[in-house]
């Protein structure tokens, strides 16, 4: 059996833990986005606004942690705000 480098084994364990953590955060962001879009489609302004705030917070947190880039977070927030404005501006 080959000898394993201890630092390589440790690095692999660390990267695996980070991968799982990052995956959970990304999944949470996607879930929030889907809930927000669903609330916009039901034409519930109060619920949509609450969901938009929560989504913005999650995107900012993910960007701060480096899970998604700052520009990606800004782009997604902009698109979601644009959706909100288009749906509820006439009302």
Protein backbone atom coordinates (compact mmCIF):
# COMPACT_ATOMS: atom_id res chain seq x y z
CA UNK A 1 0.00 0.00 0.00
CA UNK A 2 1.28 3.45 -0.88
CA UNK A 3 2.26 5.91 1.83
CA UNK A 4 -0.17 8.84 2.03
CA UNK A 5 1.05 12.35 2.58
CA UNK A 6 -0.52 13.58 5.85
CA UNK A 7 -0.88 17.16 4.66
CA UNK A 8 -2.60 16.02 1.46
CA UNK A 9 -5.06 13.92 3.48
CA UNK A 10 -5.80 16.88 5.75
CA UNK A 11 -6.21 19.24 2.80
CA UNK A 12 -8.65 16.80 1.19
CA UNK A 13 -10.72 16.60 4.38
CA UNK A 14 -10.81 20.39 4.68
CA UNK A 15 -11.83 20.89 1.06
CA UNK A 16 -14.59 18.31 1.43
CA UNK A 17 -16.00 20.11 4.49
CA UNK A 18 -15.87 23.45 2.65
CA UNK A 19 -17.50 21.96 -0.45
CA UNK A 20 -20.42 20.65 1.58
CA UNK A 21 -20.81 23.95 3.44
CA UNK A 22 -20.69 25.97 0.20
CA UNK A 23 -23.19 23.61 -1.42
CA UNK A 24 -25.61 24.17 1.47
CA UNK A 25 -25.36 27.95 1.17
CA UNK A 26 -25.85 27.89 -2.61
CA UNK A 27 -28.85 25.59 -2.21
CA UNK A 28 -30.35 27.93 0.38
CA UNK A 29 -29.94 30.90 -1.96
CA UNK A 30 -31.61 29.02 -4.82
CA UNK A 31 -34.48 27.96 -2.56
CA UNK A 32 -35.02 31.54 -1.40
CA UNK A 33 -35.02 32.74 -5.00
CA UNK A 34 -37.64 30.16 -5.97
CA UNK A 35 -39.84 31.12 -3.01
CA UNK A 36 -39.50 34.79 -3.94
CA UNK A 37 -40.46 34.20 -7.58
CA UNK A 38 -43.44 32.12 -6.43
CA UNK A 39 -44.62 34.92 -4.13
CA UNK A 40 -44.28 37.45 -6.96
CA UNK A 41 -46.32 35.22 -9.25
CA UNK A 42 -49.11 35.02 -6.66
CA UNK A 43 -49.20 38.85 -6.73
CA UNK A 44 -48.71 39.10 -2.95
CA UNK A 45 -46.79 42.37 -2.57
CA UNK A 46 -46.15 42.18 1.18
CA UNK A 47 -44.91 38.60 1.04
CA UNK A 48 -42.77 39.30 -2.01
CA UNK A 49 -41.13 42.28 -0.32
CA UNK A 50 -40.31 40.20 2.75
CA UNK A 51 -38.90 37.42 0.58
CA UNK A 52 -36.85 39.94 -1.42
CA UNK A 53 -35.24 41.28 1.75
CA UNK A 54 -34.42 37.75 2.92
CA UNK A 55 -33.01 36.83 -0.49
CA UNK A 56 -30.88 39.98 -0.58
CA UNK A 57 -29.47 39.16 2.83
CA UNK A 58 -28.62 35.60 1.79
CA UNK A 59 -26.96 36.78 -1.42
CA UNK A 60 -24.89 39.35 0.45
CA UNK A 61 -23.82 36.76 3.01
CA UNK A 62 -22.82 34.27 0.31
CA UNK A 63 -20.84 36.98 -1.49
CA UNK A 64 -19.11 38.04 1.73
CA UNK A 65 -18.07 34.45 2.40
CA UNK A 66 -16.76 34.11 -1.15
CA UNK A 67 -19.20 31.39 -2.13
CA UNK A 68 -20.47 33.49 -5.01
CA UNK A 69 -18.77 36.57 -6.44
CA UNK A 70 -19.85 40.09 -5.52
CA UNK A 71 -20.85 40.76 -9.11
CA UNK A 72 -22.99 37.62 -9.25
CA UNK A 73 -24.77 38.65 -6.06
CA UNK A 74 -25.32 42.18 -7.38
CA UNK A 75 -26.63 40.84 -10.70
CA UNK A 76 -29.10 38.49 -9.00
CA UNK A 77 -30.30 41.19 -6.60
CA UNK A 78 -30.78 43.57 -9.51
CA UNK A 79 -32.79 41.03 -11.50
CA UNK A 80 -35.00 40.20 -8.53
CA UNK A 81 -35.61 43.90 -7.78
CA UNK A 82 -36.43 44.46 -11.45
CA UNK A 83 -38.96 41.60 -11.29
CA UNK A 84 -40.53 43.14 -8.19
CA UNK A 85 -40.75 46.59 -9.77
CA UNK A 86 -42.25 45.24 -12.98
CA UNK A 87 -44.86 43.21 -11.09
CA UNK A 88 -45.97 45.77 -8.50
CA UNK A 89 -45.19 49.20 -9.98
CA UNK A 90 -48.56 49.47 -11.75
CA UNK A 91 -50.51 48.63 -8.59
